[in-house]
Amino acid sequence: MIYDGLGQIGLYRGLFRGLDVLIDWLGENDLNDLPLGRTEILGKKVFINKMNANTRTFENGRFETHRRYMDVQVDLEGAENFKTTPGKIEYTGEFDVEGDKGFGHETPDNHDLIDGTLKNGHFALFMIGEAHMPNLVCDGAEPGTITKVCVKILGDQFWGED
């Protein structure tokens, strides 16, 4: 995971092809100006989903993982907490290959949960295979609606596929 201020995203140039595409795009565009829904930056390799999402409690959340795409998540209105874990999760169903997502919960012996908050222009980049639980209600707040973007970045190892 990379967790930083969006104004610092240029520091990560050179890590991944798609991240470089996003950094260049952000130099000329504003995420706030996007309509809700999907905006393609570079076809299926780099695209943005802007959405209104509802926050939830940790007990009502679940971890997600991806096999082909990284997520860059940024809150535009409102704030959310998130969790990630380098520990094991138990999947609750089959992995959705078409949607590139699997869901699960931490195993009973996994006590290695990392917390973060997305607000005030912060972003989190979740790597391929990294279990993450977004859209959690912030401490002291009630569940509500936030406006956010999730940028999907295809892993470098898949760029040669059509």
C-alpha atoms as a PDB file:
ATOM      1  CA  MET A   1       0.000   0.000   0.000  1.00  0.00           C
ATOM      2  CA  ILE A   2       1.015   3.557  -0.664  1.00  0.00           C
ATOM      3  CA  TYR A   3      -0.762   6.156   1.469  1.00  0.00           C
ATOM      4  CA  ASP A   4       0.004   9.830   0.867  1.00  0.00           C
ATOM      5  CA  GLY A   5      -1.376  13.198  -0.138  1.00  0.00           C
ATOM      6  CA  LEU A   6      -2.574  13.394  -3.742  1.00  0.00           C
ATOM      7  CA  GLY A   7      -0.284  16.399  -4.265  1.00  0.00           C
ATOM      8  CA  GLN A   8       2.663  14.065  -3.664  1.00  0.00           C
ATOM      9  CA  ILE A   9       1.653  11.346  -6.132  1.00  0.00           C
ATOM     10  CA  GLY A  10       4.403  12.436  -8.540  1.00  0.00           C
ATOM     11  CA  LEU A  11       6.952  11.046  -6.082  1.00  0.00           C
ATOM     12  CA  TYR A  12       5.850   7.567  -7.174  1.00  0.00           C
ATOM     13  CA  ARG A  13       6.575   8.071 -10.875  1.00  0.00           C
ATOM     14  CA  GLY A  14       8.368   5.085 -12.335  1.00  0.00           C
ATOM     15  CA  LEU A  15       6.867   2.435 -10.072  1.00  0.00           C
ATOM     16  CA  PHE A  16       4.160   1.247 -12.504  1.00  0.00           C
ATOM     17  CA  ARG A  17       3.288   2.125 -16.113  1.00  0.00           C
ATOM     18  CA  GLY A  18      -0.345   2.810 -15.323  1.00  0.00           C
ATOM     19  CA  LEU A  19       0.511   4.955 -12.323  1.00  0.00           C
ATOM     20  CA  ASP A  20       2.669   7.114 -14.613  1.00  0.00           C
ATOM     21  CA  VAL A  21      -0.324   7.439 -16.971  1.00  0.00           C
ATOM     22  CA  LEU A  22      -2.484   8.556 -14.043  1.00  0.00           C
ATOM     23  CA  ILE A  23       0.132  11.041 -12.810  1.00  0.00           C
ATOM     24  CA  ASP A  24       0.328  12.614 -16.285  1.00  0.00           C
ATOM     25  CA  TRP A  25      -3.483  12.733 -16.533  1.00  0.00           C
ATOM     26  CA  LEU A  26      -3.798  14.377 -13.100  1.00  0.00           C
ATOM     27  CA  GLY A  27      -1.401  17.095 -14.269  1.00  0.00           C
ATOM     28  CA  GLU A  28      -4.041  18.233 -16.770  1.00  0.00           C
ATOM     29  CA  ASN A  29      -7.349  17.159 -15.189  1.00  0.00           C
ATOM     30  CA  ASP A  30      -9.286  17.529 -11.952  1.00  0.00           C
ATOM     31  CA  LEU A  31     -10.995  14.496 -10.403  1.00  0.00           C
ATOM     32  CA  ASN A  32     -13.765  16.770  -9.084  1.00  0.00           C
ATOM     33  CA  ASP A  33     -14.783  17.643 -12.660  1.00  0.00           C
ATOM     34  CA  LEU A  34     -15.565  14.041 -13.620  1.00  0.00           C
ATOM     35  CA  PRO A  35     -19.146  12.818 -13.977  1.00  0.00           C
ATOM     36  CA  LEU A  36     -20.314   9.862 -11.932  1.00  0.00           C
ATOM     37  CA  GLY A  37     -19.492   6.541 -13.579  1.00  0.00           C
ATOM     38  CA  ARG A  38     -16.574   5.340 -15.636  1.00  0.00           C
ATOM     39  CA  THR A  39     -14.015   7.593 -17.299  1.00  0.00           C
ATOM     40  CA  GLU A  40     -11.372   5.900 -19.427  1.00  0.00           C
ATOM     41  CA  ILE A  41      -7.870   7.313 -19.366  1.00  0.00           C
ATOM     42  CA  LEU A  42      -6.152   4.533 -21.308  1.00  0.00           C
ATOM     43  CA  GLY A  43      -8.845   2.024 -22.247  1.00  0.00           C
ATOM     44  CA  LYS A  44      -8.941  -1.023 -19.980  1.00  0.00           C
ATOM     45  CA  LYS A  45      -5.450  -0.311 -18.666  1.00  0.00           C
ATOM     46  CA  VAL A  46      -6.244   2.823 -16.633  1.00  0.00           C
ATOM     47  CA  PHE A  47      -9.758   4.017 -15.881  1.00  0.00           C
ATOM     48  CA  ILE A  48     -11.667   5.805 -13.145  1.00  0.00           C
ATOM     49  CA  ASN A  49     -14.916   4.921 -11.429  1.00  0.00           C
ATOM     50  CA  LYS A  50     -16.435   7.964  -9.711  1.00  0.00           C
ATOM     51  CA  MET A  51     -19.189   7.006  -7.311  1.00  0.00           C
ATOM     52  CA  ASN A  52     -21.325   7.883  -4.371  1.00  0.00           C
ATOM     53  CA  ALA A  53     -20.626   5.194  -1.775  1.00  0.00           C
ATOM     54  CA  ASN A  54     -22.112   4.489   1.615  1.00  0.00           C
ATOM     55  CA  THR A  55     -19.805   4.065   4.569  1.00  0.00           C
ATOM     56  CA  ARG A  56     -20.318   1.108   6.878  1.00  0.00           C
ATOM     57  CA  THR A  57     -19.048  -0.271  10.144  1.00  0.00           C
ATOM     58  CA  PHE A  58     -16.142  -2.699  10.279  1.00  0.00           C
ATOM     59  CA  GLU A  59     -18.554  -5.454  11.336  1.00  0.00           C
ATOM     60  CA  ASN A  60     -20.539  -4.891   8.125  1.00  0.00           C
ATOM     61  CA  GLY A  61     -17.459  -4.648   5.919  1.00  0.00           C
ATOM     62  CA  ARG A  62     -15.365  -7.217   4.115  1.00  0.00           C
ATOM     63  CA  PHE A  63     -11.934  -7.302   2.600  1.00  0.00           C
ATOM     64  CA  GLU A  64     -11.542  -7.301  -1.166  1.00  0.00           C
ATOM     65  CA  THR A  65      -8.636  -8.371  -3.340  1.00  0.00           C
ATOM     66  CA  HIS A  66      -7.810  -8.081  -7.025  1.00  0.00           C
ATOM     67  CA  ARG A  67      -5.578 -10.223  -9.227  1.00  0.00           C
ATOM     68  CA  ARG A  68      -5.059  -7.924 -12.227  1.00  0.00           C
ATOM     69  CA  TYR A  69      -5.697  -4.367 -11.078  1.00  0.00           C
ATOM     70  CA  MET A  70      -4.399  -2.015  -8.420  1.00  0.00           C
ATOM     71  CA  ASP A  71      -6.801   0.490  -6.840  1.00  0.00           C
ATOM     72  CA  VAL A  72      -6.052   4.142  -6.228  1.00  0.00           C
ATOM     73  CA  GLN A  73      -8.809   5.468  -3.980  1.00  0.00           C
ATOM     74  CA  VAL A  74      -9.461   9.144  -3.240  1.00  0.00           C
ATOM     75  CA  ASP A  75     -12.377  10.725  -1.372  1.00  0.00           C
ATOM     76  CA  LEU A  76     -13.670  13.898  -3.012  1.00  0.00           C
ATOM     77  CA  GLU A  77     -16.529  14.685  -0.588  1.00  0.00           C
ATOM     78  CA  GLY A  78     -16.698  13.269   2.909  1.00  0.00           C
ATOM     79  CA  ALA A  79     -14.247  10.927   4.563  1.00  0.00           C
ATOM     80  CA  GLU A  80     -13.812   7.223   5.135  1.00  0.00           C
ATOM     81  CA  ASN A  81     -11.618   4.900   7.083  1.00  0.00           C
ATOM     82  CA  PHE A  82     -10.074   1.835   5.485  1.00  0.00           C
ATOM     83  CA  LYS A  83      -8.256  -1.242   6.658  1.00  0.00           C
ATOM     84  CA  THR A  84      -5.708  -3.436   4.968  1.00  0.00           C
ATOM     85  CA  THR A  85      -3.921  -6.537   6.151  1.00  0.00           C
ATOM     86  CA  PRO A  86      -0.759  -8.370   5.163  1.00  0.00           C
ATOM     87  CA  GLY A  87      -2.199 -11.373   7.047  1.00  0.00           C
ATOM     88  CA  LYS A  88      -4.469 -14.127   5.829  1.00  0.00           C
ATOM     89  CA  ILE A  89      -8.099 -13.756   4.835  1.00  0.00           C
ATOM     90  CA  GLU A  90     -10.737 -16.418   4.261  1.00  0.00           C
ATOM     91  CA  TYR A  91     -12.668 -15.919   1.037  1.00  0.00           C
ATOM     92  CA  THR A  92     -16.448 -15.989   1.199  1.00  0.00           C
ATOM     93  CA  GLY A  93     -17.227 -17.377  -2.229  1.00  0.00           C
ATOM     94  CA  GLU A  94     -15.602 -17.817  -5.585  1.00  0.00           C
ATOM     95  CA  PHE A  95     -13.292 -15.172  -7.008  1.00  0.00           C
ATOM     96  CA  ASP A  96     -15.097 -13.135  -9.707  1.00  0.00           C
ATOM     97  CA  VAL A  97     -12.596 -13.362 -12.577  1.00  0.00           C
ATOM     98  CA  GLU A  98     -14.605 -11.081 -14.893  1.00  0.00           C
ATOM     99  CA  GLY A  99     -14.958  -8.380 -12.219  1.00  0.00           C
ATOM    100  CA  ASP A 100     -11.443  -9.051 -10.840  1.00  0.00           C
ATOM    101  CA  LYS A 101     -12.580  -9.208  -7.234  1.00  0.00           C
ATOM    102  CA  GLY A 102     -12.759 -11.573  -4.344  1.00  0.00           C
ATOM    103  CA  PHE A 103     -14.167 -10.923  -0.885  1.00  0.00           C
ATOM    104  CA  GLY A 104     -13.434 -12.280   2.554  1.00  0.00           C
ATOM    105  CA  HIS A 105     -12.725 -11.720   6.223  1.00  0.00           C
ATOM    106  CA  GLU A 106      -9.539 -11.918   8.234  1.00  0.00           C
ATOM    107  CA  THR A 107      -8.758 -15.341   9.649  1.00  0.00           C
ATOM    108  CA  PRO A 108      -9.213 -15.763  13.434  1.00  0.00           C
ATOM    109  CA  ASP A 109      -5.426 -15.759  13.943  1.00  0.00           C
ATOM    110  CA  ASN A 110      -4.906 -12.602  11.833  1.00  0.00           C
ATOM    111  CA  HIS A 111      -4.536  -9.653  14.184  1.00  0.00           C
ATOM    112  CA  ASP A 112      -2.426  -7.611  11.747  1.00  0.00           C
ATOM    113  CA  LEU A 113      -4.876  -4.934  10.606  1.00  0.00           C
ATOM    114  CA  ILE A 114      -3.631  -1.551   9.393  1.00  0.00           C
ATOM    115  CA  ASP A 115      -5.909   1.506   9.518  1.00  0.00           C
ATOM    116  CA  GLY A 116      -5.999   4.683   7.476  1.00  0.00           C
ATOM    117  CA  THR A 117      -8.307   7.573   6.636  1.00  0.00           C
ATOM    118  CA  LEU A 118      -9.075   9.090   3.262  1.00  0.00           C
ATOM    119  CA  LYS A 119      -9.918  12.800   3.492  1.00  0.00           C
ATOM    120  CA  ASN A 120      -8.347  16.153   2.746  1.00  0.00           C
ATOM    121  CA  GLY A 121      -6.778  15.002  -0.515  1.00  0.00           C
ATOM    122  CA  HIS A 122      -5.177  11.774   0.693  1.00  0.00           C
ATOM    123  CA  PHE A 123      -5.019   8.699  -1.502  1.00  0.00           C
ATOM    124  CA  ALA A 124      -4.345   5.024  -0.964  1.00  0.00           C
ATOM    125  CA  LEU A 125      -2.921   2.751  -3.633  1.00  0.00           C
ATOM    126  CA  PHE A 126      -3.710  -0.894  -2.919  1.00  0.00           C
ATOM    127  CA  MET A 127      -1.460  -3.364  -4.736  1.00  0.00           C
ATOM    128  CA  ILE A 128      -2.565  -6.448  -6.631  1.00  0.00           C
ATOM    129  CA  GLY A 129      -3.404  -9.155  -4.097  1.00  0.00           C
ATOM    130  CA  GLU A 130      -3.461  -6.757  -1.145  1.00  0.00           C
ATOM    131  CA  ALA A 131      -6.558  -7.282   0.984  1.00  0.00           C
ATOM    132  CA  HIS A 132      -8.269  -3.964   1.671  1.00  0.00           C
ATOM    133  CA  MET A 133     -11.566  -2.891   3.211  1.00  0.00           C
ATOM    134  CA  PRO A 134     -12.673   0.549   1.992  1.00  0.00           C
ATOM    135  CA  ASN A 135     -15.731   2.660   2.846  1.00  0.00           C
ATOM    136  CA  LEU A 136     -15.595   2.303   6.619  1.00  0.00           C
ATOM    137  CA  VAL A 137     -17.280   4.937   8.738  1.00  0.00           C
ATOM    138  CA  CYS A 138     -14.866   7.302  10.482  1.00  0.00           C
ATOM    139  CA  ASP A 139     -14.553   7.128  14.259  1.00  0.00           C
ATOM    140  CA  GLY A 140     -17.274   9.159  15.965  1.00  0.00           C
ATOM    141  CA  ALA A 141     -19.345   9.519  12.768  1.00  0.00           C
ATOM    142  CA  GLU A 142     -22.524   7.870  11.578  1.00  0.00           C
ATOM    143  CA  PRO A 143     -22.574   5.875   8.321  1.00  0.00           C
ATOM    144  CA  GLY A 144     -23.323   8.166   5.388  1.00  0.00           C
ATOM    145  CA  THR A 145     -22.624   8.908   1.757  1.00  0.00           C
ATOM    146  CA  ILE A 146     -19.249   9.939   0.367  1.00  0.00           C
ATOM    147  CA  THR A 147     -18.181  10.840  -3.159  1.00  0.00           C
ATOM    148  CA  LYS A 148     -14.996   9.088  -4.202  1.00  0.00           C
ATOM    149  CA  VAL A 149     -13.005   7.820  -7.120  1.00  0.00           C
ATOM    150  CA  CYS A 150     -11.426   4.441  -7.556  1.00  0.00           C
ATOM    151  CA  VAL A 151      -8.780   4.435 -10.265  1.00  0.00           C
ATOM    152  CA  LYS A 152      -8.155   0.957 -11.672  1.00  0.00           C
ATOM    153  CA  ILE A 153      -4.580   0.411 -12.871  1.00  0.00           C
ATOM    154  CA  LEU A 154      -3.728  -2.771 -14.738  1.00  0.00           C
ATOM    155  CA  GLY A 155      -0.607  -4.477 -13.398  1.00  0.00           C
ATOM    156  CA  ASP A 156       2.494  -4.117 -15.585  1.00  0.00           C
ATOM    157  CA  GLN A 157       2.659  -7.886 -16.123  1.00  0.00           C
ATOM    158  CA  PHE A 158      -0.680  -7.758 -17.991  1.00  0.00           C
ATOM    159  CA  TRP A 159       0.053  -4.789 -20.323  1.00  0.00           C
ATOM    160  CA  GLY A 160       0.984  -6.997 -23.293  1.00  0.00           C
ATOM    161  CA  GLU A 161      -2.473  -8.614 -23.335  1.00  0.00           C
ATOM    162  CA  ASP A 162      -5.193  -7.234 -25.573  1.00  0.00           C
END
